[in-house]
Amino acid sequence: MNAPAPWVRTRLRAAPLAALLTAVLVLVLVFLAAALPRALDRGADGALHGFLRGYGPVPTSVVVTSGLPSGGDPAQLLDATAGQLAALVGARLPLDPGGPVYGRRAVQPRSLPDPALDRPEGVAPELSLLYQHGAREHVRLTAGRWPDGAPDGAAGGEAVPVALSESAAATLGVAPGGVFDGGGSVLFPNAPSGPARVRVVGLYAVDDPSDPFWADAGCALRACRNLTPSHGPGDPPLAYWYAVALTGPEGVSGLSRWGSGAEDFWRLPVRVEALRADRLAETSAALAAVTSGPVAVRVTTGSGRPDVRIGSALRGAIDTARQRQAAIDSLTAVGPAGAAGVAVVVLGLAAALGAERRAAELRLLRARGAGLGGVFRRLLGEGAWTVLPAAALGAGLACVLLPTPRWLPSAVAAGSVALLALLAFPVRVVLALRGPSGGARSGRRRLVAEAAVLAVTVAAVAQVVRRGVAPAGAGVDPLLVAAPLLLSLTGALLLARLQPVLIGGLARRAGRRAGAVGFLGLARAARGGGRGRARPSVLPLLALVLAVACGAVGADVLGSVAADRTRVARYGLGGDAVVAAGLERALPESFLAAADRLPGVEVSLPVWVEDDVTMSVGGGASVRVNVVAADPVRYARLAGVAGRGRFDPALLAGGPGSGPLPVLVSGDLPSGGFSLRLAGGDAVEVRTVGTADGTPAVSGSNGPTVVMSSLAAADLLPRFGGPDRWLAAGHPDDAQLRALAERFLGPPASGTRPGHLVRTAAGEAAALGGDPLQASAVRLFWVSVGATALFAVLAVLLTLLRAGPERAAVLARLRTMGLRPRQGLALVLAEVLPQALVAALGGALTAVGCVHLLGPAVDLSPLVGSGVPTGLRLLAGPIARQALALALLASLAVLAEAAVTGRRQIAAELRAGDPE
């Protein structure tokens, strides 16, 4: 007798396409589940590294300073202490492989009273001495030699040999071989200044000034322009040159004599790229141990040095990074939570489809004596051969494509999805075989479950209304994550109850008209697509409502963030574009005319700004003010666009010579009649006609402001010179505006080079979103919205496949009665599209409810990149687009399913019973 065929092999061979589709679905879901934590980690790590790199090399280092040890070779003691510090600190923190930067520096500089040296404002230049280990390897000698020798006795006393940067030597007027006596310092006038001198033995140049080796020795690369301290109103600060000269190992001992003392220092740069966002708390604790904990004690007691001090600004930077991450975590969790909810529903739909397809087979097994446990084990083993390899492949792909050190969250997420996919079908079958097929008991259980969901949703909403959303920095708020899901679930349950009534009413209206296609389709939709269903299934509705609601909330957040960034940029600029001519310059008429004609410019105007104006305020008192002159009508429109300085242009009406000029003043100036005195001009009488809360032409708080009409002040404009600003509203192209400004105004300002300045709201908004943390969060929102749409399409397809066989049988019977193919397609559309449209409408209403309930307490500042008022605005555009997109996708899916599979299934039904 032949042995029975194995169950798993038989089932997989009987339905290879179903097994393949299940494997693909599991592969996609597990990959997304495993990739999400890894993508979050990569985004957080990249944002952390970019944020810390912005601090520079010195704040991200551990800095150790000490007094001078007694005895021994100073250079060798510095090397030995550097090795000890690297071992102690490196055991707690990842250090840069470039090694520590260390040496000895003079505590105070000395002036060089040589009259031949350059003195910008009559103050002698100052020079400080520095020994930095390894400096010889980071410079290129351009003249003389490196100061390797010991102090020499030239010129009647010991002179410390030093090397000076070529740039500093040219600035000060120093030549190689020069010997200079040191005098007192303007910064330390009371410090003892015994005899000391230096000899410049060589000049050097640095090929890479941005090398972290020179991070805290900038004045060793070039002469710095410093200011003397001011001791009173009549003692203005004076400019003088300050430079740092380098010594060799043999000249270390001479630094104390030159600088009235010296200190040893070690800077141990932390390797920022090795820090992880998920371990910032541990890193902060390690820094605390290094700066003020056991490591600091070992350094202090074991080095044998006096006055050891250990510090680092990295701990404060890490704490700031942790606050930034916590502030944005709560918002970034909303999108993935919605996508995860839709994915769970899709798995439930797939399990329901499989259970219905194999219902007859499984009932036969039960009739032949198979127990529920045996059926469950067989289905579990069958699913293991399909689910587990696909899950392993999906998790492996996520690990390969998104490498990251942390693996546990990814493994937990992938394992959870794989377990859910493995158990969904067997559990659904067991529940279907055990539970009643219908009746009052099933209806009561469903009613109880729906009441429980409604009660939980009401409690969550009441909690949100009572206490609001958790503030930024408090971590992920469960209410903010769960509220859209709960509201979507409640909306789907309500729609499942209302849909038969709504679509049934449409079916009755269609039944009164000629033609049976619309009536049949709507009648089937009202029954849930089949004879045995009294109402539509909740799972398809829940998937579609979740997809629309969560996608619409995410799109609303993204739209609000974009709008807030534009609003912040406009507020700071004073419009959508601004061109400033620069110091002591004016914008030519040719540029103004060409700029007005740029595409996208809706409102533009030249503005005169004069800041050297004195305004009398009565009683002999006066105050310095900024005077802004512009066309009042266009300026008022621009103020409305900028959101500050709004006013009625009729207030500034009036022509020249008609009495005191009407002006608007900022709130810190009094009202009444006053006089303005321009630089080198007569007094101009003005009268205040209102106040403005700012002016677009002057950014920031630059003192009191007076706004006047350029038409009324036509006689004054020649005293101002030409207009020095051009403001515009609209959508001018940033590149075109910059090219135009460079063509008419020359090169733009760069660093210390004067020139014009061009800024646009689009560029400023892009800069606000350029932070890696915000960019990663926004990118995650977009991915979540895309994944939600994909799952919604899968839900539509699974719904179509679930009702496909029965629909094909109905269409086959109707085909024998004269139904044409085009009418069959219309029947399918009439059956499926009403459900999708109702789900889209329900999801949109759910999204509106979520925004109204949660929006007032949501702080979008972490995503915007600047402080904005708390609250999520309701934007009709993003929500409507999500609902319409889902309806369009559902329509396309229905058309594709009907075109690809409908004819085959109908043909198979018509050939049923034919001989092979």
Foldseek 3Di string as FASTA:
>chain_A
DDDDDDLLVVVCVVCVPLLVVLLVLLLVQLLVLLQVVLLVQVLLLVLQLVLVVVVPFQQQWKKKKFFQFPDDQRVVLLVVLQVVLCVLLCVQFAFDPVGKKKWKWFPAWFFFPPVVWDWPFPGGETEIEIAIPPVVVQKAWDDFDAQADAFDCPPNRTAAEWEAEPQACVNTVHDAQDKTWTHHDLVCNPQDQDTYMHHHGTYIAGPDLSPSSCRPQNLRHHWDWDWRDADDPVGDTGIGTYHYIYHYSNRRVVNCNRRVGMMIMIITRGDSSPDTLVCLVSSLVSQCCCQPNVVVVCSVVVSNTHPMHIDHSVSVSSVVSLLLCQLCQQVLLQLQLLLVLLSLLLLLLSLVLVCVVCVVVVVVVVVVPDDLVNLLVSLLVSVCVSLVVSLVVSSVVSCVVSPDPDRVSSVVSSVVSSVSSSRSNSVVNSCCVPDDPDDDVVVVVVVVVLVVLVVVLVVLLVVCQVPNFDHRSPHHGVSLRCNLLSLLLNLLVVCQVCVLVVLVVVLVVVVVDPDCLLNLQSNCLSQQNDDSRNTHDSSLLSLLLSLLQSLLLLLLLVVQLLVVLLLVLLLQQLAFKKKFFWPPDAADPVLVVVVCPFPFFDAKWFKFKDQQKWKDQDPPDIDGAIEIEIALVSQLVSNVRNVWFHDDSVQQDDAEPPDAGEKEKAPVGDFAWIWMDHVVGDIGIHGYRYYIPDGSVDGDPPDMYIYHYCRRVVVCVVVRPHGRMMHTHTDGDQVVSQVSCCVRWNDDDDDPRIGMDMDGSVVSQVVLQPSSSLVSSSVSSVVSSVSSLVSSLSSLLSSCSSSVLVLLLVVLVVVVVPDDLVSSLSSLCSNRLVSLLVSLVSSLVSNVVSQVSNFQRAFCCSNNNHGDHGGRDDDPVSSVVSSVVSSVSSVVSSVVCCVPPNVVSNVCSNCPPPDD
